[in-house]
């Protein structure tokens, strides 16, 4: 097998990509954690929209449906639209290549929304 030298980030001449979680990132819950009760945080949405406007490819990446196996794609698409979210793709827990349910993410490129 022949290996090539990998780069950590996208080349400067290529579009950068950001994966953005939805729940507890751009929306929160004051009552039961049900997707129809999620409340948008417009300040956080504005941070992601700014990345979109700066040329980033924005992919909302949510595990909604990964445990229940219910397809929340249309509901989530409608929410993102009504909240004014700018994005290129939505990946859910029931997509062809779904976001899995997990309890902890450890990654060298991770940031919390408060760090943007």
Protein backbone atom coordinates (compact mmCIF):
# COMPACT_ATOMS: atom_id res chain seq x y z
CA UNK A 1 0.00 0.00 0.00
CA UNK A 2 1.26 3.44 -0.87
CA UNK A 3 0.49 6.31 1.51
CA UNK A 4 0.25 10.03 0.84
CA UNK A 5 0.87 12.89 3.21
CA UNK A 6 -2.44 14.03 4.68
CA UNK A 7 -3.22 17.62 5.56
CA UNK A 8 -5.04 18.47 8.77
CA UNK A 9 -7.32 21.10 7.23
CA UNK A 10 -8.72 21.70 3.75
CA UNK A 11 -6.41 23.28 1.21
CA UNK A 12 -6.66 27.08 1.15
CA UNK A 13 -8.18 27.00 -2.36
CA UNK A 14 -10.95 24.54 -1.36
CA UNK A 15 -14.20 25.17 0.48
CA UNK A 16 -13.91 24.49 4.19
CA UNK A 17 -16.53 22.23 5.77
CA UNK A 18 -18.14 22.54 9.19
CA UNK A 19 -20.32 19.89 10.86
CA UNK A 20 -22.83 21.47 13.25
CA UNK A 21 -24.96 19.65 15.78
CA UNK A 22 -28.49 20.96 16.32
CA UNK A 23 -29.76 20.09 19.81
CA UNK A 24 -28.01 21.97 22.62
CA UNK A 25 -26.07 23.87 19.95
CA UNK A 26 -28.52 26.00 17.97
CA UNK A 27 -31.63 25.07 19.97
CA UNK A 28 -32.40 24.24 23.56
CA UNK A 29 -35.24 22.83 25.68
CA UNK A 30 -36.95 24.48 28.62
CA UNK A 31 -39.33 21.55 29.10
CA UNK A 32 -39.26 17.96 27.88
CA UNK A 33 -36.53 17.13 25.37
CA UNK A 34 -38.91 16.67 22.43
CA UNK A 35 -37.94 17.99 19.02
CA UNK A 36 -41.25 19.80 18.57
CA UNK A 37 -40.52 21.75 21.78
CA UNK A 38 -37.01 22.88 20.82
CA UNK A 39 -36.42 26.61 21.09
CA UNK A 40 -33.96 28.24 18.65
CA UNK A 41 -31.04 30.29 19.91
CA UNK A 42 -30.77 33.08 17.33
CA UNK A 43 -27.31 34.19 18.54
CA UNK A 44 -25.91 30.72 17.90
CA UNK A 45 -27.72 30.43 14.56
CA UNK A 46 -26.18 33.77 13.56
CA UNK A 47 -22.70 32.38 14.30
CA UNK A 48 -23.29 29.44 11.95
CA UNK A 49 -24.93 31.65 9.30
CA UNK A 50 -21.81 33.83 9.40
CA UNK A 51 -19.65 30.80 8.55
CA UNK A 52 -22.01 30.07 5.64
CA UNK A 53 -21.70 33.66 4.43
CA UNK A 54 -17.90 33.43 4.70
CA UNK A 55 -17.96 30.52 2.25
CA UNK A 56 -17.94 27.49 4.55
CA UNK A 57 -19.97 24.43 3.54
CA UNK A 58 -22.36 24.05 6.48
CA UNK A 59 -23.65 20.55 7.23
CA UNK A 60 -26.11 20.22 10.08
CA UNK A 61 -25.24 16.85 11.63
CA UNK A 62 -27.79 15.54 14.13
CA UNK A 63 -28.46 12.14 15.67
CA UNK A 64 -32.22 12.81 15.68
CA UNK A 65 -33.87 9.46 15.01
CA UNK A 66 -30.78 7.32 15.57
CA UNK A 67 -32.18 5.67 18.70
CA UNK A 68 -35.95 5.75 18.00
CA UNK A 69 -35.51 4.97 14.27
CA UNK A 70 -38.14 7.65 13.57
CA UNK A 71 -37.35 9.83 10.57
CA UNK A 72 -37.34 13.45 11.76
CA UNK A 73 -35.75 14.78 8.56
CA UNK A 74 -38.75 16.76 7.29
CA UNK A 75 -39.54 18.17 10.73
CA UNK A 76 -35.90 19.20 11.18
CA UNK A 77 -35.74 20.73 7.69
CA UNK A 78 -38.87 22.75 8.46
CA UNK A 79 -37.39 23.90 11.79
CA UNK A 80 -34.10 24.99 10.22
CA UNK A 81 -36.02 26.93 7.57
CA UNK A 82 -38.32 28.63 10.08
CA UNK A 83 -35.32 29.54 12.27
CA UNK A 84 -33.50 31.16 9.32
CA UNK A 85 -30.62 28.66 9.24
CA UNK A 86 -28.33 28.80 6.21
CA UNK A 87 -26.81 25.45 5.29
CA UNK A 88 -25.94 23.09 2.46
CA UNK A 89 -26.83 19.66 3.85
CA UNK A 90 -28.68 17.97 6.68
CA UNK A 91 -27.53 14.58 8.00
CA UNK A 92 -29.73 12.90 10.60
CA UNK A 93 -29.69 9.68 12.56
CA UNK A 94 -31.72 8.05 9.78
CA UNK A 95 -29.78 9.35 6.76
CA UNK A 96 -27.98 6.98 4.38
CA UNK A 97 -24.72 7.67 6.25
CA UNK A 98 -26.28 8.64 9.60
CA UNK A 99 -24.85 10.45 12.57
CA UNK A 100 -24.72 7.84 15.33
CA UNK A 101 -25.95 8.35 18.86
CA UNK A 102 -23.02 8.88 21.23
CA UNK A 103 -22.31 10.31 24.65
CA UNK A 104 -18.94 11.95 24.10
CA UNK A 105 -17.07 13.31 21.10
CA UNK A 106 -13.30 13.56 21.26
CA UNK A 107 -11.76 15.20 18.21
CA UNK A 108 -8.80 17.43 17.41
CA UNK A 109 -11.02 19.88 15.49
CA UNK A 110 -13.96 20.19 17.90
CA UNK A 111 -15.24 23.51 19.26
CA UNK A 112 -18.21 24.32 21.43
CA UNK A 113 -20.57 26.98 20.06
CA UNK A 114 -19.40 29.40 22.79
CA UNK A 115 -15.89 29.30 21.34
CA UNK A 116 -16.97 30.79 17.99
